[in-house]
Protein backbone atom coordinates (compact mmCIF):
# COMPACT_ATOMS: atom_id res chain seq x y z
CA MET A 1 -12.40 4.39 27.20
CA ASN A 2 -11.66 1.86 24.46
CA PRO A 3 -8.07 0.54 24.39
CA THR A 4 -5.85 1.50 21.46
CA PRO A 5 -6.05 -1.27 18.84
CA PRO A 6 -2.93 -3.43 18.42
CA PHE A 7 -2.37 -2.22 14.85
CA LEU A 8 -2.14 1.42 15.94
CA ARG A 9 0.03 0.51 18.93
CA ALA A 10 2.46 -1.30 16.65
CA CYS A 11 2.48 1.63 14.22
CA VAL A 12 3.92 3.92 16.89
CA GLY A 13 6.68 1.52 17.88
CA GLU A 14 5.21 -0.80 20.50
CA ALA A 15 6.58 -4.34 20.27
CA LEU A 16 3.63 -6.64 21.00
CA ALA A 17 3.64 -10.31 21.98
CA ARG A 18 1.74 -11.00 18.77
CA PRO A 19 2.29 -8.75 15.76
CA PRO A 20 -0.94 -7.34 14.34
CA MET A 21 -1.53 -8.27 10.74
CA TRP A 22 -3.33 -7.26 7.60
CA ILE A 23 -2.75 -8.27 3.98
CA MET A 24 -2.07 -5.98 1.06
CA ARG A 25 -4.95 -6.34 -1.43
CA GLN A 26 -6.83 -8.28 1.23
CA ALA A 27 -10.10 -7.15 -0.39
CA GLY A 28 -10.22 -8.45 -3.92
CA ARG A 29 -9.85 -11.15 -6.51
CA TYR A 30 -8.86 -14.12 -4.34
CA LEU A 31 -12.20 -13.96 -2.47
CA PRO A 32 -15.20 -15.76 -4.01
CA GLU A 33 -17.57 -13.16 -2.57
CA TYR A 34 -15.63 -10.43 -4.36
CA ARG A 35 -15.78 -12.33 -7.65
CA ALA A 36 -19.52 -12.74 -7.18
CA LEU A 37 -19.96 -9.00 -6.70
CA ARG A 38 -17.74 -8.23 -9.68
CA SER A 39 -19.85 -10.48 -11.87
CA GLN A 40 -22.56 -7.85 -11.46
CA HIS A 41 -20.48 -4.63 -11.50
CA ASP A 42 -17.40 -3.52 -13.42
CA PHE A 43 -14.28 -2.48 -11.50
CA LEU A 44 -14.68 1.28 -11.92
CA THR A 45 -18.31 1.12 -10.82
CA VAL A 46 -17.27 -0.67 -7.63
CA CYS A 47 -14.56 1.91 -6.94
CA ARG A 48 -16.88 4.86 -7.56
CA THR A 49 -19.87 3.55 -5.59
CA PRO A 50 -19.32 3.97 -1.83
CA SER A 51 -21.77 1.24 -0.80
CA LEU A 52 -20.06 -1.28 -3.10
CA ALA A 53 -16.52 -0.23 -2.16
CA ALA A 54 -17.46 -0.45 1.52
CA GLU A 55 -18.88 -3.94 1.02
CA VAL A 56 -15.67 -5.11 -0.65
CA THR A 57 -13.58 -3.55 2.14
CA LEU A 58 -15.58 -5.49 4.73
CA GLN A 59 -15.52 -8.87 2.97
CA PRO A 60 -12.12 -10.11 4.22
CA LEU A 61 -12.89 -8.97 7.77
CA ARG A 62 -15.96 -11.19 7.87
CA ARG A 63 -13.86 -14.16 6.84
CA PHE A 64 -10.51 -13.59 8.61
CA ALA A 65 -9.31 -12.30 12.00
CA LEU A 66 -7.38 -9.31 10.63
CA ASP A 67 -6.23 -6.32 12.65
CA ALA A 68 -6.85 -3.56 10.11
CA ALA A 69 -8.94 -2.75 7.05
CA ILE A 70 -7.76 -0.88 3.99
CA VAL A 71 -10.31 1.05 1.95
CA PHE A 72 -11.03 -0.57 -1.40
CA SER A 73 -9.95 1.60 -4.30
CA ASP A 74 -7.09 1.86 -6.80
CA ILE A 75 -4.06 4.13 -6.89
CA MET A 76 -5.18 5.46 -10.29
CA MET A 77 -8.52 6.84 -9.15
CA PRO A 78 -7.36 10.32 -7.99
CA LEU A 79 -5.74 10.97 -11.39
CA GLU A 80 -9.14 11.55 -12.97
CA ALA A 81 -9.42 14.84 -11.07
CA MET A 82 -6.17 15.93 -12.72
CA GLY A 83 -7.73 15.54 -16.17
CA VAL A 84 -6.48 12.01 -16.86
CA GLU A 85 -8.81 9.50 -18.53
CA ILE A 86 -8.32 5.95 -17.32
CA ASP A 87 -9.91 2.56 -17.80
CA PHE A 88 -9.16 -0.98 -16.66
CA SER A 89 -8.95 -3.98 -18.97
CA PRO A 90 -8.17 -5.55 -16.52
CA GLY A 91 -5.12 -3.49 -15.53
CA PRO A 92 -4.93 0.31 -15.64
CA HIS A 93 -4.74 2.06 -19.00
CA VAL A 94 -4.22 5.79 -19.53
CA ARG A 95 -6.07 6.78 -22.67
CA ARG A 96 -3.68 9.61 -23.56
CA PRO A 97 -0.23 8.92 -22.06
CA LEU A 98 1.98 11.90 -21.28
CA ARG A 99 4.62 12.38 -23.91
CA SER A 100 5.67 16.05 -23.74
CA VAL A 101 6.26 19.04 -21.51
CA ALA A 102 2.91 20.41 -22.66
CA ASP A 103 1.18 17.24 -21.49
CA VAL A 104 2.67 17.66 -18.03
CA ASP A 105 1.79 21.34 -17.88
CA ALA A 106 -1.82 20.58 -18.84
CA LEU A 107 -2.39 18.50 -15.69
CA LYS A 108 -4.66 20.09 -13.10
CA LEU A 109 -3.88 20.55 -9.41
CA PRO A 110 -7.38 19.83 -8.07
CA GLU A 111 -8.88 20.90 -4.78
CA ALA A 112 -9.13 18.15 -2.16
CA ALA A 113 -12.92 17.92 -2.41
CA ALA A 114 -12.69 17.14 -6.13
CA ILE A 115 -10.20 14.26 -5.80
CA ALA A 116 -12.07 10.93 -5.95
CA PRO A 117 -14.67 12.16 -3.44
CA TYR A 118 -16.31 8.73 -3.41
CA VAL A 119 -13.27 7.38 -1.50
CA ALA A 120 -13.86 9.78 1.38
CA GLU A 121 -17.55 8.86 1.27
CA THR A 122 -16.62 5.18 1.47
CA ILE A 123 -14.39 5.82 4.48
CA ALA A 124 -17.14 7.74 6.26
CA LEU A 125 -19.54 4.87 5.54
CA LEU A 126 -17.09 2.27 6.84
CA ARG A 127 -15.94 3.75 10.12
CA PRO A 128 -19.14 3.04 12.11
CA GLN A 129 -19.13 -0.56 10.85
CA LEU A 130 -15.52 -1.42 11.70
CA GLN A 131 -14.05 -2.90 14.86
CA VAL A 132 -10.48 -2.44 13.59
CA PRO A 133 -8.57 0.61 12.30
CA LEU A 134 -9.05 1.75 8.71
CA ILE A 135 -6.10 2.51 6.43
CA GLY A 136 -6.28 5.06 3.62
CA PHE A 137 -3.73 5.03 0.82
CA CYS A 138 -2.40 6.50 -2.39
CA GLY A 139 0.23 5.74 -5.00
CA ALA A 140 3.63 7.40 -4.72
CA PRO A 141 4.38 10.01 -7.40
CA LEU A 142 7.03 7.89 -9.14
CA THR A 143 4.68 4.93 -9.49
CA LEU A 144 1.86 7.13 -10.76
CA ALA A 145 4.21 8.83 -13.22
CA ALA A 146 5.24 5.43 -14.54
CA TYR A 147 1.65 4.65 -15.54
CA LEU A 148 0.94 8.17 -16.80
CA ILE A 149 3.89 8.13 -19.19
CA GLU A 150 3.90 4.46 -20.18
CA GLY A 151 0.11 4.37 -20.49
CA LYS A 152 -0.19 0.90 -18.94
CA GLY A 153 1.70 -1.67 -16.92
CA SER A 154 5.17 -2.67 -18.12
CA LYS A 155 8.12 -4.81 -17.07
CA ASP A 156 10.62 -1.97 -17.29
CA PHE A 157 8.61 1.24 -17.98
CA SER A 158 11.16 2.30 -20.57
CA GLN A 159 9.01 5.21 -21.79
CA MET A 160 8.97 6.67 -18.28
CA ARG A 161 12.72 6.28 -17.86
CA ARG A 162 13.40 7.81 -21.28
CA PHE A 163 11.19 10.78 -20.40
CA MET A 164 12.98 11.20 -17.05
CA TYR A 165 16.42 11.37 -18.65
CA ALA A 166 15.44 13.37 -21.75
CA GLN A 167 13.21 15.90 -19.97
CA PRO A 168 14.27 15.95 -16.31
CA ALA A 169 12.75 19.35 -15.53
CA ALA A 170 9.34 18.29 -16.84
CA PHE A 171 9.65 14.95 -15.02
CA GLY A 172 10.38 16.79 -11.79
CA ARG A 173 7.36 19.03 -12.29
CA LEU A 174 5.22 15.96 -12.93
CA LEU A 175 6.25 14.34 -9.64
CA ASP A 176 5.70 17.63 -7.82
CA VAL A 177 2.12 18.11 -9.04
CA LEU A 178 1.40 14.45 -8.31
CA ALA A 179 2.78 14.85 -4.79
CA ARG A 180 0.67 17.93 -4.11
CA THR A 181 -2.43 16.17 -5.40
CA MET A 182 -1.77 13.04 -3.34
CA ALA A 183 -1.16 15.11 -0.21
CA ARG A 184 -4.60 16.67 -0.64
CA TYR A 185 -6.13 13.29 -1.39
CA LEU A 186 -4.71 11.62 1.71
CA THR A 187 -5.72 14.60 3.85
CA ALA A 188 -9.30 14.17 2.64
CA GLN A 189 -9.15 10.48 3.55
CA VAL A 190 -7.92 11.23 7.06
CA ASN A 191 -10.53 13.93 7.53
CA ALA A 192 -13.17 11.37 6.51
CA GLY A 193 -11.97 8.90 9.14
CA ALA A 194 -8.87 6.99 7.94
CA GLN A 195 -6.73 6.19 11.00
CA ALA A 196 -3.47 5.48 9.14
CA VAL A 197 -2.21 6.04 5.61
CA GLN A 198 0.05 4.01 3.33
CA LEU A 199 2.06 5.36 0.42
CA PHE A 200 2.63 2.66 -2.22
CA ASP A 201 5.75 3.02 -4.38
CA SER A 202 5.26 -0.16 -6.37
CA TRP A 203 7.82 0.76 -9.04
CA ALA A 204 10.53 2.25 -6.82
CA GLY A 205 12.96 -0.45 -7.95
CA LEU A 206 13.00 0.94 -11.49
CA LEU A 207 15.43 3.70 -10.49
CA SER A 208 19.00 3.78 -9.32
CA ALA A 209 19.65 5.14 -5.85
CA ARG A 210 20.92 8.38 -7.40
CA GLU A 211 17.84 9.00 -9.54
CA TYR A 212 15.51 7.94 -6.75
CA ALA A 213 17.14 10.52 -4.48
CA ARG A 214 16.90 13.19 -7.17
CA PHE A 215 13.29 12.70 -8.24
CA ALA A 216 11.25 10.43 -5.99
CA MET A 217 12.46 11.34 -2.52
CA PRO A 218 11.47 15.04 -2.61
CA ALA A 219 7.98 14.12 -3.84
CA ASN A 220 7.57 11.45 -1.16
CA ARG A 221 8.74 13.84 1.54
CA LEU A 222 6.24 16.46 0.43
CA ILE A 223 3.34 14.03 0.90
CA LEU A 224 4.58 12.64 4.20
CA ALA A 225 5.29 16.09 5.62
CA ALA A 226 1.73 17.14 4.79
CA MET A 227 0.48 14.18 6.84
CA ALA A 228 2.48 15.07 9.95
CA PRO A 229 0.01 17.61 11.42
CA LEU A 230 -2.85 15.12 11.05
CA GLY A 231 -1.41 12.82 13.70
CA VAL A 232 -2.01 9.48 11.97
CA PRO A 233 0.64 6.79 11.40
CA ARG A 234 2.36 6.92 8.02
CA ILE A 235 3.39 3.71 6.26
CA PHE A 236 5.72 3.66 3.28
CA PHE A 237 6.04 0.62 1.04
CA ALA A 238 8.54 0.43 -1.82
CA GLN A 239 8.80 -2.71 -3.92
CA ASP A 240 12.15 -4.17 -5.02
CA ALA A 241 13.92 -1.40 -3.14
CA ALA A 242 16.74 -3.11 -1.24
CA ALA A 243 19.29 -0.86 -2.98
CA LEU A 244 17.27 2.18 -1.91
CA MET A 245 16.95 1.24 1.76
CA PRO A 246 19.56 3.73 3.06
CA GLN A 247 17.44 6.51 1.54
CA VAL A 248 13.99 5.10 2.23
CA MET A 249 14.75 4.61 5.92
CA GLN A 250 15.27 8.38 6.20
CA LEU A 251 11.68 9.15 5.21
CA PRO A 252 9.50 10.64 7.98
CA VAL A 253 7.28 7.58 8.49
CA GLU A 254 6.27 5.53 11.49
CA VAL A 255 6.19 2.23 9.58
CA LEU A 256 8.50 0.96 6.86
CA GLY A 257 7.11 -1.75 4.58
CA VAL A 258 9.50 -4.47 3.40
CA ASP A 259 9.00 -6.71 0.37
CA TRP A 260 10.16 -10.35 0.28
CA ARG A 261 13.46 -9.82 -1.51
CA VAL A 262 15.49 -8.86 1.55
CA PRO A 263 15.54 -10.71 4.90
CA LEU A 264 13.69 -8.82 7.59
CA GLN A 265 16.59 -9.10 10.01
CA GLU A 266 18.86 -7.29 7.53
CA VAL A 267 16.45 -4.36 7.40
CA ARG A 268 16.19 -4.40 11.19
CA ALA A 269 19.96 -4.11 11.44
CA GLN A 270 19.82 -0.96 9.29
CA VAL A 271 16.83 0.79 10.89
CA GLY A 272 17.48 -0.06 14.54
CA PRO A 273 15.40 -1.73 17.24
CA THR A 274 12.59 0.80 17.60
CA ARG A 275 11.39 1.43 14.03
CA THR A 276 8.23 -0.46 13.09
CA LEU A 277 8.62 -2.77 10.10
CA GLN A 278 5.81 -4.24 8.01
CA GLY A 279 6.02 -7.36 5.84
CA ASN A 280 7.64 -9.46 4.36
CA LEU A 281 6.23 -12.83 3.25
CA ASP A 282 6.45 -13.60 -0.48
CA PRO A 283 2.79 -13.80 -1.66
CA ALA A 284 3.68 -16.94 -3.63
CA TRP A 285 4.33 -18.77 -0.35
CA LEU A 286 0.55 -18.95 0.06
CA PHE A 287 0.50 -21.60 -2.67
CA ALA A 288 2.59 -23.98 -0.55
CA ALA A 289 1.08 -26.53 1.81
CA PRO A 290 -0.69 -24.90 4.79
CA GLN A 291 1.86 -26.18 7.30
CA GLN A 292 4.67 -24.65 5.22
CA VAL A 293 2.78 -21.36 5.06
CA ALA A 294 2.44 -21.41 8.83
CA ALA A 295 6.15 -22.16 9.26
CA GLN A 296 7.17 -19.27 6.99
CA GLY A 297 4.88 -16.90 8.85
CA ALA A 298 6.41 -18.02 12.14
CA GLN A 299 9.94 -17.51 10.84
CA ILE A 300 9.18 -13.95 9.76
CA CYS A 301 7.68 -13.15 13.16
CA ALA A 302 10.81 -14.51 14.84
CA ALA A 303 13.07 -12.48 12.53
CA ALA A 304 11.32 -9.14 13.10
CA GLY A 305 13.55 -8.19 16.04
CA GLY A 306 11.37 -5.31 17.18
CA PRO A 307 8.02 -3.61 16.44
CA HIS A 308 6.40 -5.45 13.54
CA ILE A 309 3.15 -5.53 11.58
CA PHE A 310 2.80 -8.81 9.75
CA ASN A 311 1.94 -8.53 6.06
CA LEU A 312 2.89 -9.93 2.71
CA GLY A 313 5.77 -8.50 0.74
CA HIS A 314 3.30 -7.31 -1.92
CA GLY A 315 -0.37 -7.81 -2.79
CA ILE A 316 -2.03 -11.19 -2.37
CA LEU A 317 -2.25 -13.08 -5.68
CA PRO A 318 -5.64 -13.69 -7.31
CA GLN A 319 -5.66 -17.51 -7.16
CA THR A 320 -4.47 -17.74 -3.55
CA PRO A 321 -6.16 -20.64 -1.67
CA ILE A 322 -8.40 -19.47 1.16
CA GLU A 323 -7.13 -22.25 3.44
CA ALA A 324 -3.58 -20.93 3.10
CA VAL A 325 -4.68 -17.51 4.34
CA HIS A 326 -6.38 -19.15 7.32
CA ALA A 327 -3.21 -21.12 8.10
CA LEU A 328 -1.06 -17.99 7.92
CA ILE A 329 -3.34 -15.97 10.18
CA GLN A 330 -3.53 -18.78 12.71
CA ALA A 331 0.27 -19.07 12.84
CA VAL A 332 0.73 -15.33 13.38
CA ARG A 333 -2.01 -15.12 16.00
CA GLN A 334 -0.81 -18.12 18.06
CA GLY A 335 1.85 -16.13 19.87
CA PRO A 336 5.60 -16.63 20.23
CA ASP A 337 5.62 -19.98 22.06
CA LEU A 338 3.39 -21.78 19.57
CA ARG A 339 5.02 -20.01 16.62
CA GLN A 340 8.38 -21.38 17.70
CA GLY A 341 7.03 -24.88 17.21
CA ALA A 342 5.49 -23.99 13.86
CA GLY A 343 8.81 -22.57 12.67
CA GLN A 344 10.48 -25.88 13.33
CA ALA A 345 7.90 -27.92 11.41
């Protein structure tokens, strides 16, 4: 019988001598092999072609000693099955942003098999090739709603916030249909072979604690509750969400992701000694000298105070030097004795 991989052991609360690690957006623009592939195929083609998406998923694992893979896709892809037209140039654009109650009511609630089926095909293609666990993922309803209403990325997503306050019932219905769709989508990923799932709430910090509790929390709970019978670890990541931590820590998840804006030991003090935390190195640290990167990685490991999966506090940046990633991984993998020395460098 094969032993349980360290990543999955950490997910269920085991404190290991060395924290397992993976990197958000570990497959993508910072890798020269990814850029070479993208020179031949546009982004949507890569996402929709299982052989290409599988190749991109595998690329960082050939280069780095990582403890998990995450399927290559984008949080916007399942929205097409709801009747949403999207493109990337280079970021996501919704061709017809939602602006009214009628727009919300026109969205479809698709069957699981119709929701980005190429992602499940990619997962099924990957599993026999992987020596580490595979993570499936989706965007949280609030984050998806932000793009659907705004139409593209924004610093403050004012259109979304205006819609939420002016038409709260319609906004609530929007998050509900998104949650039901994402629950079906993640279920399909698990059925195809994903061994853990992560819910990304990249724009959680846009809302006050009161509005997050009113709108986002019920939608998140719906998705996470749907995952419970499937028996896979659930990871929740909310960006810029220190003010929301008292609520977020109540979500039914095995792993709580932490961005770089709050010290890991402060989160540990709130969640207790047995909850698994994931994070929280600022991605910009990877532009420092390699020895400084190693020292920061060591400090985060020392601060974890319990079960921990090492990761960045958000996605790796496109121009990140490869040698910095190597230095970080080496520091995390050295173990506590050698890390102590690195932390004092």
